[in-house]
Amino acid sequence: MVDLDLARRSRVDGLIDSMREQVRTGVVPLSIYGDPDIYALEQERIFNRSWLFVAHESELPEPGDYVLRSIADGRWIIARDSDGAINALYDSCRHRGTSLCRADKGNANHFRCAYHGWTYKNDGRLIGIPNRDAAYGSNFDSSSWGLLRAPFVTIHRGLIWVNLDPNAEPFLDYLGDYR
C-alpha cells in the first residue's frame, strides 16, 4: 500500500470495505472520487503498473519529434530520437527536477534545463553540464545521470504503449485475447 500512516490506512480500508458493500447494490459512493488517499492507491496499483497508451506513431514521424503526456502523476516526453527509436523520458532534469519541455509537442534534438543548463539528447543521455569540471570535478560520471526512462515502451500496430513497472508482464501477454 502507499506509504500511509496507520490512521489514514485504516480510513482507506474502511472506505474500500464500504464501497464493496455499496457496489453490490449498484451504488458507488461519491466520496471515493475525490479522496486523495484513494487516488494515491489508484496511481500505485493501477496506473504505475498497467500498460498505458500514450501516443500514435504518426504523432512522431520524424527524428526529434516529441509529445508530452501525463502518465500516473508525472509528465513524460515521448520522443523519436535521432536513430528513429521511440523513448519515454521523465520530464525532469536530474539536477534539480525542473521540467525540460515548454511546449506540448515539437521537434528537438536535445532538451535543456532552463535552471542550470543541463542538456540531454532526445534519447535521454546527458550531453552537457555548464562548468562541469569546476562544479563537479573531473571524475563526474555523466553516463549515470541521463533522464529517467520508462522501463518498457512498445509499439503495437502504430500505437505507443508505456509501462512504468519494472516487473511488468510482456505487452502481448497483458493484452491477452484482446490482441
N, C-alpha and C. Protein backbone atom coordinates (compact mmCIF):
# COMPACT_ATOMS: atom_id res chain seq x y z
N MET A 1 0.85 -1.18 0.00
CA MET A 1 0.00 0.00 0.00
C MET A 1 0.89 1.23 0.00
N VAL A 2 0.37 2.32 -0.50
CA VAL A 2 1.08 3.58 -0.49
C VAL A 2 1.50 3.87 0.95
N ASP A 3 2.56 4.60 1.09
CA ASP A 3 3.11 4.87 2.41
C ASP A 3 2.16 5.78 3.20
N LEU A 4 1.08 5.20 3.73
CA LEU A 4 0.10 5.94 4.52
C LEU A 4 0.31 5.62 5.98
N ASP A 5 0.10 6.62 6.85
CA ASP A 5 0.19 6.32 8.27
C ASP A 5 -0.99 5.42 8.66
N LEU A 6 -0.92 4.87 9.87
CA LEU A 6 -1.90 3.88 10.31
C LEU A 6 -3.32 4.41 10.28
N ALA A 7 -3.53 5.64 10.72
CA ALA A 7 -4.88 6.22 10.74
C ALA A 7 -5.45 6.36 9.33
N ARG A 8 -4.62 6.86 8.41
CA ARG A 8 -5.08 7.02 7.03
C ARG A 8 -5.34 5.67 6.39
N ARG A 9 -4.47 4.70 6.65
CA ARG A 9 -4.65 3.36 6.10
C ARG A 9 -5.96 2.75 6.59
N SER A 10 -6.24 2.92 7.88
CA SER A 10 -7.48 2.39 8.46
C SER A 10 -8.69 3.04 7.80
N ARG A 11 -8.62 4.37 7.59
CA ARG A 11 -9.73 5.09 6.95
C ARG A 11 -9.93 4.60 5.52
N VAL A 12 -8.84 4.42 4.77
CA VAL A 12 -8.93 3.94 3.38
C VAL A 12 -9.50 2.53 3.34
N ASP A 13 -9.02 1.66 4.23
CA ASP A 13 -9.57 0.29 4.29
C ASP A 13 -11.07 0.33 4.55
N GLY A 14 -11.50 1.22 5.45
CA GLY A 14 -12.93 1.37 5.73
C GLY A 14 -13.70 1.84 4.51
N LEU A 15 -13.14 2.81 3.78
CA LEU A 15 -13.79 3.29 2.55
C LEU A 15 -13.93 2.17 1.53
N ILE A 16 -12.87 1.40 1.37
CA ILE A 16 -12.89 0.31 0.39
C ILE A 16 -13.90 -0.75 0.79
N ASP A 17 -13.93 -1.12 2.07
CA ASP A 17 -14.92 -2.10 2.55
C ASP A 17 -16.33 -1.59 2.32
N SER A 18 -16.57 -0.33 2.65
CA SER A 18 -17.89 0.28 2.45
C SER A 18 -18.26 0.28 0.97
N MET A 19 -17.27 0.60 0.14
CA MET A 19 -17.53 0.64 -1.29
C MET A 19 -17.90 -0.73 -1.82
N ARG A 20 -17.22 -1.77 -1.36
CA ARG A 20 -17.54 -3.14 -1.81
C ARG A 20 -19.00 -3.47 -1.53
N GLU A 21 -19.45 -3.12 -0.35
CA GLU A 21 -20.84 -3.40 0.02
C GLU A 21 -21.81 -2.60 -0.85
N GLN A 22 -21.51 -1.33 -1.06
CA GLN A 22 -22.41 -0.48 -1.83
C GLN A 22 -22.43 -0.85 -3.31
N VAL A 23 -21.27 -1.25 -3.85
CA VAL A 23 -21.21 -1.63 -5.27
C VAL A 23 -22.11 -2.84 -5.53
N ARG A 24 -22.19 -3.74 -4.57
CA ARG A 24 -23.07 -4.91 -4.72
C ARG A 24 -24.53 -4.50 -4.91
N THR A 25 -24.89 -3.34 -4.40
CA THR A 25 -26.27 -2.85 -4.55
C THR A 25 -26.41 -1.91 -5.75
N GLY A 26 -25.32 -1.73 -6.50
CA GLY A 26 -25.38 -0.89 -7.69
C GLY A 26 -25.04 0.56 -7.42
N VAL A 27 -24.49 0.87 -6.28
CA VAL A 27 -24.17 2.24 -5.91
C VAL A 27 -22.66 2.37 -5.69
N VAL A 28 -22.09 3.44 -6.22
CA VAL A 28 -20.69 3.75 -5.95
C VAL A 28 -20.68 5.01 -5.11
N PRO A 29 -20.08 4.96 -3.91
CA PRO A 29 -20.08 6.15 -3.05
C PRO A 29 -19.28 7.30 -3.67
N LEU A 30 -19.87 8.47 -3.71
CA LEU A 30 -19.22 9.63 -4.33
C LEU A 30 -17.94 10.03 -3.62
N SER A 31 -17.82 9.71 -2.35
CA SER A 31 -16.64 10.15 -1.58
C SER A 31 -15.33 9.59 -2.13
N ILE A 32 -15.38 8.46 -2.82
CA ILE A 32 -14.13 7.88 -3.31
C ILE A 32 -13.53 8.66 -4.47
N TYR A 33 -14.35 9.40 -5.21
CA TYR A 33 -13.86 10.07 -6.41
C TYR A 33 -12.90 11.21 -6.11
N GLY A 34 -13.02 11.84 -4.97
CA GLY A 34 -12.16 12.97 -4.65
C GLY A 34 -11.22 12.70 -3.49
N ASP A 35 -11.17 11.48 -3.05
CA ASP A 35 -10.34 11.16 -1.88
C ASP A 35 -8.87 11.06 -2.28
N PRO A 36 -7.99 11.86 -1.68
CA PRO A 36 -6.57 11.84 -2.08
C PRO A 36 -5.87 10.52 -1.78
N ASP A 37 -6.28 9.82 -0.74
CA ASP A 37 -5.64 8.54 -0.43
C ASP A 37 -6.07 7.44 -1.40
N ILE A 38 -7.33 7.47 -1.81
CA ILE A 38 -7.80 6.52 -2.83
C ILE A 38 -7.08 6.81 -4.14
N TYR A 39 -6.93 8.08 -4.47
CA TYR A 39 -6.21 8.48 -5.68
C TYR A 39 -4.78 7.95 -5.65
N ALA A 40 -4.10 8.09 -4.51
CA ALA A 40 -2.73 7.60 -4.38
C ALA A 40 -2.67 6.09 -4.60
N LEU A 41 -3.65 5.36 -4.08
CA LEU A 41 -3.70 3.91 -4.28
C LEU A 41 -3.92 3.57 -5.76
N GLU A 42 -4.80 4.33 -6.42
CA GLU A 42 -5.02 4.11 -7.86
C GLU A 42 -3.73 4.32 -8.65
N GLN A 43 -2.99 5.36 -8.31
CA GLN A 43 -1.74 5.62 -9.00
C GLN A 43 -0.78 4.45 -8.82
N GLU A 44 -0.64 3.99 -7.57
CA GLU A 44 0.29 2.90 -7.28
C GLU A 44 -0.15 1.58 -7.88
N ARG A 45 -1.40 1.22 -7.68
CA ARG A 45 -1.86 -0.12 -8.03
C ARG A 45 -2.36 -0.27 -9.45
N ILE A 46 -2.74 0.83 -10.08
CA ILE A 46 -3.28 0.74 -11.45
C ILE A 46 -2.35 1.42 -12.45
N PHE A 47 -2.21 2.73 -12.35
CA PHE A 47 -1.53 3.49 -13.39
C PHE A 47 -0.02 3.26 -13.41
N ASN A 48 0.59 2.98 -12.27
CA ASN A 48 2.02 2.71 -12.26
C ASN A 48 2.34 1.27 -12.64
N ARG A 49 1.33 0.43 -12.85
CA ARG A 49 1.56 -0.98 -13.16
C ARG A 49 0.97 -1.43 -14.50
N SER A 50 0.15 -0.61 -15.10
CA SER A 50 -0.56 -1.01 -16.32
C SER A 50 0.17 -0.53 -17.57
N TRP A 51 -0.11 -1.21 -18.66
CA TRP A 51 0.33 -0.72 -19.96
C TRP A 51 -0.62 0.40 -20.35
N LEU A 52 -0.08 1.58 -20.64
CA LEU A 52 -0.89 2.75 -20.94
C LEU A 52 -0.58 3.25 -22.34
N PHE A 53 -1.64 3.52 -23.10
CA PHE A 53 -1.48 4.10 -24.44
C PHE A 53 -1.07 5.56 -24.26
N VAL A 54 0.01 5.97 -24.94
CA VAL A 54 0.50 7.35 -24.78
C VAL A 54 0.53 8.16 -26.08
N ALA A 55 0.61 7.50 -27.21
CA ALA A 55 0.70 8.25 -28.47
C ALA A 55 0.54 7.29 -29.64
N HIS A 56 0.41 7.88 -30.82
CA HIS A 56 0.40 7.11 -32.06
C HIS A 56 1.67 7.47 -32.82
N GLU A 57 2.24 6.49 -33.50
CA GLU A 57 3.48 6.73 -34.26
C GLU A 57 3.37 7.92 -35.21
N SER A 58 2.18 8.16 -35.74
CA SER A 58 2.01 9.26 -36.68
C SER A 58 2.24 10.63 -36.02
N GLU A 59 2.19 10.69 -34.69
CA GLU A 59 2.48 11.95 -33.99
C GLU A 59 3.98 12.24 -33.96
N LEU A 60 4.79 11.22 -34.24
CA LEU A 60 6.24 11.35 -34.17
C LEU A 60 6.88 10.84 -35.46
N PRO A 61 6.53 11.44 -36.61
CA PRO A 61 7.00 10.88 -37.87
C PRO A 61 8.50 11.08 -38.13
N GLU A 62 9.10 12.14 -37.58
CA GLU A 62 10.49 12.47 -37.89
C GLU A 62 11.38 12.34 -36.65
N PRO A 63 12.66 12.03 -36.85
CA PRO A 63 13.59 12.06 -35.72
C PRO A 63 13.54 13.43 -35.04
N GLY A 64 13.50 13.43 -33.72
CA GLY A 64 13.42 14.67 -32.94
C GLY A 64 12.01 15.06 -32.56
N ASP A 65 10.99 14.47 -33.20
CA ASP A 65 9.62 14.79 -32.83
C ASP A 65 9.32 14.28 -31.43
N TYR A 66 8.56 15.06 -30.68
CA TYR A 66 8.18 14.64 -29.34
C TYR A 66 6.80 15.17 -28.99
N VAL A 67 6.17 14.51 -28.04
CA VAL A 67 4.92 14.96 -27.43
C VAL A 67 5.05 14.76 -25.93
N LEU A 68 4.38 15.58 -25.17
CA LEU A 68 4.33 15.41 -23.71
C LEU A 68 3.05 14.69 -23.34
N ARG A 69 3.16 13.79 -22.38
CA ARG A 69 1.99 13.05 -21.91
C ARG A 69 2.05 12.94 -20.39
N SER A 70 0.88 12.94 -19.79
CA SER A 70 0.78 12.67 -18.36
C SER A 70 0.59 11.18 -18.17
N ILE A 71 1.47 10.59 -17.37
CA ILE A 71 1.37 9.18 -17.04
C ILE A 71 1.46 9.11 -15.52
N ALA A 72 0.46 8.49 -14.92
CA ALA A 72 0.37 8.47 -13.46
C ALA A 72 0.39 9.93 -13.00
N ASP A 73 1.29 10.29 -12.14
CA ASP A 73 1.34 11.67 -11.67
C ASP A 73 2.49 12.46 -12.29
N GLY A 74 3.08 11.96 -13.36
CA GLY A 74 4.23 12.64 -13.93
C GLY A 74 4.03 13.04 -15.37
N ARG A 75 4.89 13.96 -15.81
CA ARG A 75 4.93 14.37 -17.22
C ARG A 75 6.05 13.60 -17.89
N TRP A 76 5.74 13.03 -19.04
CA TRP A 76 6.70 12.21 -19.77
C TRP A 76 6.86 12.74 -21.18
N ILE A 77 8.09 12.74 -21.65
CA ILE A 77 8.40 13.11 -23.03
C ILE A 77 8.41 11.82 -23.84
N ILE A 78 7.54 11.73 -24.82
CA ILE A 78 7.54 10.60 -25.75
C ILE A 78 8.24 11.13 -27.00
N ALA A 79 9.44 10.64 -27.26
CA ALA A 79 10.27 11.23 -28.30
C ALA A 79 10.83 10.18 -29.25
N ARG A 80 10.90 10.58 -30.52
CA ARG A 80 11.63 9.77 -31.50
C ARG A 80 13.04 10.33 -31.55
N ASP A 81 14.01 9.50 -31.17
CA ASP A 81 15.39 10.00 -31.11
C ASP A 81 16.01 10.08 -32.50
N SER A 82 17.25 10.51 -32.54
CA SER A 82 17.94 10.72 -33.82
C SER A 82 18.13 9.43 -34.61
N ASP A 83 18.09 8.28 -33.92
CA ASP A 83 18.19 6.99 -34.61
C ASP A 83 16.83 6.42 -34.99
N GLY A 84 15.75 7.13 -34.66
CA GLY A 84 14.40 6.68 -35.01
C GLY A 84 13.69 5.87 -33.94
N ALA A 85 14.36 5.57 -32.83
CA ALA A 85 13.72 4.80 -31.75
C ALA A 85 12.79 5.69 -30.93
N ILE A 86 11.76 5.09 -30.38
CA ILE A 86 10.81 5.80 -29.52
C ILE A 86 11.24 5.62 -28.06
N ASN A 87 11.28 6.73 -27.33
CA ASN A 87 11.66 6.73 -25.92
C ASN A 87 10.59 7.40 -25.09
N ALA A 88 10.44 6.96 -23.85
CA ALA A 88 9.58 7.63 -22.87
C ALA A 88 10.50 8.11 -21.76
N LEU A 89 10.65 9.42 -21.64
CA LEU A 89 11.61 10.03 -20.73
C LEU A 89 10.87 10.92 -19.74
N TYR A 90 11.20 10.78 -18.46
CA TYR A 90 10.56 11.60 -17.43
C TYR A 90 10.99 13.05 -17.62
N ASP A 91 10.03 13.95 -17.71
CA ASP A 91 10.29 15.36 -17.99
C ASP A 91 10.76 16.08 -16.73
N SER A 92 11.97 15.74 -16.31
CA SER A 92 12.50 16.32 -15.09
C SER A 92 14.03 16.26 -15.13
N CYS A 93 14.65 17.42 -15.05
CA CYS A 93 16.11 17.48 -15.04
C CYS A 93 16.63 16.71 -13.83
N ARG A 94 17.63 15.90 -14.03
CA ARG A 94 18.19 15.09 -12.95
C ARG A 94 18.95 15.95 -11.94
N HIS A 95 19.24 17.18 -12.27
CA HIS A 95 19.99 18.05 -11.36
C HIS A 95 19.09 18.64 -10.28
N ARG A 96 18.03 19.33 -10.67
CA ARG A 96 17.16 19.99 -9.70
C ARG A 96 15.67 19.76 -9.94
N GLY A 97 15.35 18.87 -10.89
CA GLY A 97 13.96 18.48 -11.09
C GLY A 97 13.11 19.41 -11.93
N THR A 98 13.70 20.38 -12.56
CA THR A 98 12.95 21.31 -13.40
C THR A 98 12.42 20.61 -14.65
N SER A 99 11.21 20.96 -15.06
CA SER A 99 10.64 20.45 -16.30
C SER A 99 11.48 20.95 -17.47
N LEU A 100 11.69 20.07 -18.45
CA LEU A 100 12.55 20.41 -19.58
C LEU A 100 11.78 20.96 -20.78
N CYS A 101 10.56 20.48 -20.98
CA CYS A 101 9.80 20.86 -22.17
C CYS A 101 8.84 22.00 -21.85
N ARG A 102 8.89 23.01 -22.66
CA ARG A 102 7.99 24.16 -22.51
C ARG A 102 6.78 24.07 -23.43
N ALA A 103 6.87 23.19 -24.42
CA ALA A 103 5.77 23.02 -25.38
C ALA A 103 5.24 21.59 -25.29
N ASP A 104 3.97 21.40 -25.59
CA ASP A 104 3.36 20.08 -25.52
C ASP A 104 3.80 19.15 -26.64
N LYS A 105 4.33 19.73 -27.70
CA LYS A 105 4.85 18.92 -28.80
C LYS A 105 5.84 19.77 -29.58
N GLY A 106 6.67 19.09 -30.36
CA GLY A 106 7.64 19.83 -31.14
C GLY A 106 8.68 18.91 -31.73
N ASN A 107 9.79 19.50 -32.12
CA ASN A 107 10.92 18.75 -32.66
C ASN A 107 12.18 19.32 -32.04
N ALA A 108 12.98 18.44 -31.43
CA ALA A 108 14.20 18.89 -30.78
C ALA A 108 15.22 17.76 -30.78
N ASN A 109 16.47 18.09 -31.04
CA ASN A 109 17.49 17.05 -30.95
C ASN A 109 18.06 16.98 -29.53
N HIS A 110 17.65 17.94 -28.68
CA HIS A 110 18.07 17.92 -27.28
C HIS A 110 17.04 18.67 -26.43
N PHE A 111 17.13 18.45 -25.12
CA PHE A 111 16.29 19.14 -24.15
C PHE A 111 17.22 19.79 -23.14
N ARG A 112 17.03 21.11 -22.90
CA ARG A 112 17.92 21.83 -22.00
C ARG A 112 17.12 22.39 -20.82
N CYS A 113 17.66 22.16 -19.64
CA CYS A 113 17.05 22.68 -18.43
C CYS A 113 17.26 24.19 -18.35
N ALA A 114 16.18 24.92 -18.13
CA ALA A 114 16.27 26.38 -18.06
C ALA A 114 16.91 26.86 -16.75
N TYR A 115 17.01 25.98 -15.78
CA TYR A 115 17.51 26.36 -14.47
C TYR A 115 19.03 26.45 -14.44
N HIS A 116 19.73 25.37 -14.75
CA HIS A 116 21.19 25.37 -14.73
C HIS A 116 21.81 24.92 -16.05
N GLY A 117 20.99 24.67 -17.05
CA GLY A 117 21.51 24.39 -18.38
C GLY A 117 21.96 22.96 -18.65
N TRP A 118 21.61 22.02 -17.76
CA TRP A 118 21.94 20.63 -18.08
C TRP A 118 21.22 20.29 -19.38
N THR A 119 21.92 19.60 -20.27
CA THR A 119 21.38 19.32 -21.60
C THR A 119 21.37 17.82 -21.86
N TYR A 120 20.25 17.36 -22.40
CA TYR A 120 20.04 15.94 -22.66
C TYR A 120 19.73 15.72 -24.13
N LYS A 121 20.29 14.69 -24.70
CA LYS A 121 19.97 14.28 -26.07
C LYS A 121 18.52 13.78 -26.08
N ASN A 122 17.89 13.73 -27.24
CA ASN A 122 16.50 13.28 -27.30
C ASN A 122 16.32 11.78 -27.05
N ASP A 123 17.41 11.08 -26.77
CA ASP A 123 17.31 9.69 -26.32
C ASP A 123 17.49 9.60 -24.80
N GLY A 124 17.65 10.75 -24.13
CA GLY A 124 17.74 10.81 -22.69
C GLY A 124 19.15 10.93 -22.12
N ARG A 125 20.18 10.76 -22.96
CA ARG A 125 21.56 10.84 -22.46
C ARG A 125 21.90 12.28 -22.05
N LEU A 126 22.60 12.41 -20.93
CA LEU A 126 23.11 13.71 -20.50
C LEU A 126 24.32 14.04 -21.38
N ILE A 127 24.25 15.17 -22.09
CA ILE A 127 25.34 15.52 -23.01
C ILE A 127 26.01 16.84 -22.67
N GLY A 128 25.48 17.59 -21.71
CA GLY A 128 26.12 18.86 -21.38
C GLY A 128 25.80 19.35 -19.99
N ILE A 129 26.87 19.81 -19.29
CA ILE A 129 26.73 20.43 -17.98
C ILE A 129 27.63 21.66 -17.99
N PRO A 130 27.06 22.85 -17.87
CA PRO A 130 27.91 24.05 -17.83
C PRO A 130 28.90 23.99 -16.66
N ASN A 131 30.13 24.35 -16.92
CA ASN A 131 31.18 24.38 -15.90
C ASN A 131 31.30 23.05 -15.15
N ARG A 132 31.17 21.99 -15.89
CA ARG A 132 31.13 20.64 -15.29
C ARG A 132 32.31 20.35 -14.36
N ASP A 133 33.53 20.52 -14.83
CA ASP A 133 34.70 20.17 -14.01
C ASP A 133 34.80 21.05 -12.77
N ALA A 134 34.51 22.33 -12.92
CA ALA A 134 34.60 23.24 -11.77
C ALA A 134 33.51 22.92 -10.74
N ALA A 135 32.34 22.57 -11.23
CA ALA A 135 31.21 22.32 -10.32
C ALA A 135 31.24 20.92 -9.70
N TYR A 136 31.66 19.92 -10.48
CA TYR A 136 31.52 18.53 -10.03
C TYR A 136 32.82 17.74 -10.03
N GLY A 137 33.87 18.32 -10.53
CA GLY A 137 35.14 17.60 -10.59
C GLY A 137 35.25 16.79 -11.87
N SER A 138 36.45 16.43 -12.20
CA SER A 138 36.68 15.73 -13.47
C SER A 138 36.26 14.27 -13.41
N ASN A 139 35.96 13.74 -12.25
CA ASN A 139 35.55 12.34 -12.12
C ASN A 139 34.04 12.14 -12.19
N PHE A 140 33.30 13.20 -12.45
CA PHE A 140 31.84 13.09 -12.51
C PHE A 140 31.44 12.19 -13.67
N ASP A 141 30.68 11.14 -13.39
CA ASP A 141 30.27 10.17 -14.41
C ASP A 141 28.89 10.56 -14.95
N SER A 142 28.85 11.27 -16.04
CA SER A 142 27.58 11.75 -16.59
C SER A 142 26.73 10.62 -17.17
N SER A 143 27.32 9.46 -17.43
CA SER A 143 26.55 8.37 -18.04
C SER A 143 25.43 7.86 -17.12
N SER A 144 25.55 8.09 -15.83
CA SER A 144 24.52 7.62 -14.90
C SER A 144 23.52 8.72 -14.54
N TRP A 145 23.60 9.86 -15.22
CA TRP A 145 22.73 10.99 -14.92
C TRP A 145 21.80 11.36 -16.06
N GLY A 146 21.54 10.42 -16.97
CA GLY A 146 20.58 10.68 -18.05
C GLY A 146 19.17 10.80 -17.50
N LEU A 147 18.26 11.18 -18.36
CA LEU A 147 16.85 11.28 -17.95
C LEU A 147 16.32 9.91 -17.55
N LEU A 148 15.42 9.90 -16.59
CA LEU A 148 14.80 8.65 -16.18
C LEU A 148 13.92 8.15 -17.32
N ARG A 149 13.98 6.86 -17.56
CA ARG A 149 13.27 6.25 -18.67
C ARG A 149 12.17 5.34 -18.15
N ALA A 150 11.08 5.25 -18.89
CA ALA A 150 10.07 4.25 -18.58
C ALA A 150 10.71 2.88 -18.80
N PRO A 151 10.48 1.94 -17.88
CA PRO A 151 11.11 0.62 -18.05
C PRO A 151 10.71 -0.08 -19.34
N PHE A 152 9.49 0.16 -19.81
CA PHE A 152 9.02 -0.52 -21.02
C PHE A 152 8.28 0.44 -21.93
N VAL A 153 8.65 0.40 -23.20
CA VAL A 153 7.94 1.11 -24.27
C VAL A 153 7.79 0.11 -25.39
N THR A 154 6.58 0.00 -25.92
CA THR A 154 6.38 -0.90 -27.05
C THR A 154 5.43 -0.25 -28.05
N ILE A 155 5.56 -0.66 -29.28
CA ILE A 155 4.67 -0.17 -30.34
C ILE A 155 3.92 -1.38 -30.88
N HIS A 156 2.62 -1.26 -30.90
CA HIS A 156 1.77 -2.33 -31.41
C HIS A 156 0.76 -1.72 -32.37
N ARG A 157 0.90 -2.08 -33.65
CA ARG A 157 0.01 -1.58 -34.70
C ARG A 157 -0.05 -0.05 -34.72
N GLY A 158 1.11 0.57 -34.54
CA GLY A 158 1.21 2.02 -34.60
C GLY A 158 0.90 2.73 -33.29
N LEU A 159 0.41 2.00 -32.30
CA LEU A 159 0.09 2.59 -31.01
C LEU A 159 1.28 2.44 -30.07
N ILE A 160 1.64 3.52 -29.40
CA ILE A 160 2.78 3.51 -28.49
C ILE A 160 2.25 3.32 -27.07
N TRP A 161 2.78 2.30 -26.40
CA TRP A 161 2.37 1.92 -25.05
C TRP A 161 3.56 2.02 -24.11
N VAL A 162 3.29 2.41 -22.87
CA VAL A 162 4.33 2.56 -21.86
C VAL A 162 3.88 1.84 -20.59
N ASN A 163 4.85 1.23 -19.90
CA ASN A 163 4.59 0.65 -18.59
C ASN A 163 5.70 1.11 -17.65
N LEU A 164 5.32 1.64 -16.49
CA LEU A 164 6.28 2.18 -15.52
C LEU A 164 6.74 1.14 -14.50
N ASP A 165 6.19 -0.06 -14.58
CA ASP A 165 6.53 -1.12 -13.62
C ASP A 165 7.70 -1.93 -14.15
N PRO A 166 8.85 -1.93 -13.46
CA PRO A 166 9.99 -2.71 -13.96
C PRO A 166 9.73 -4.21 -13.97
N ASN A 167 8.68 -4.67 -13.30
CA ASN A 167 8.34 -6.09 -13.27
C ASN A 167 7.08 -6.40 -14.10
N ALA A 168 6.77 -5.54 -15.03
CA ALA A 168 5.55 -5.70 -15.82
C ALA A 168 5.58 -6.96 -16.67
N GLU A 169 4.40 -7.53 -16.86
CA GLU A 169 4.30 -8.66 -17.77
C GLU A 169 4.46 -8.16 -19.21
N PRO A 170 4.91 -9.00 -20.11
CA PRO A 170 5.06 -8.58 -21.51
C PRO A 170 3.74 -8.04 -22.08
N PHE A 171 3.88 -7.08 -22.96
CA PHE A 171 2.71 -6.38 -23.50
C PHE A 171 1.68 -7.32 -24.11
N LEU A 172 2.11 -8.24 -24.97
CA LEU A 172 1.15 -9.13 -25.62
C LEU A 172 0.47 -10.06 -24.62
N ASP A 173 1.16 -10.46 -23.57
CA ASP A 173 0.51 -11.24 -22.51
C ASP A 173 -0.53 -10.39 -21.80
N TYR A 174 -0.21 -9.13 -21.57
CA TYR A 174 -1.13 -8.19 -20.91
C TYR A 174 -2.42 -8.04 -21.73
N LEU A 175 -2.25 -7.95 -23.06
CA LEU A 175 -3.43 -7.82 -23.92
C LEU A 175 -4.28 -9.08 -23.95
N GLY A 176 -3.64 -10.23 -23.81
CA GLY A 176 -4.38 -11.49 -23.83
C GLY A 176 -5.12 -11.66 -25.16
N ASP A 177 -6.36 -12.15 -25.07
CA ASP A 177 -7.15 -12.39 -26.28
C ASP A 177 -7.59 -11.12 -26.98
N TYR A 178 -7.48 -9.98 -26.29
CA TYR A 178 -7.89 -8.71 -26.89
C TYR A 178 -7.05 -8.37 -28.11
N ARG A 179 -5.79 -8.85 -28.16
CA ARG A 179 -4.92 -8.50 -29.27
C ARG A 179 -5.48 -9.00 -30.57
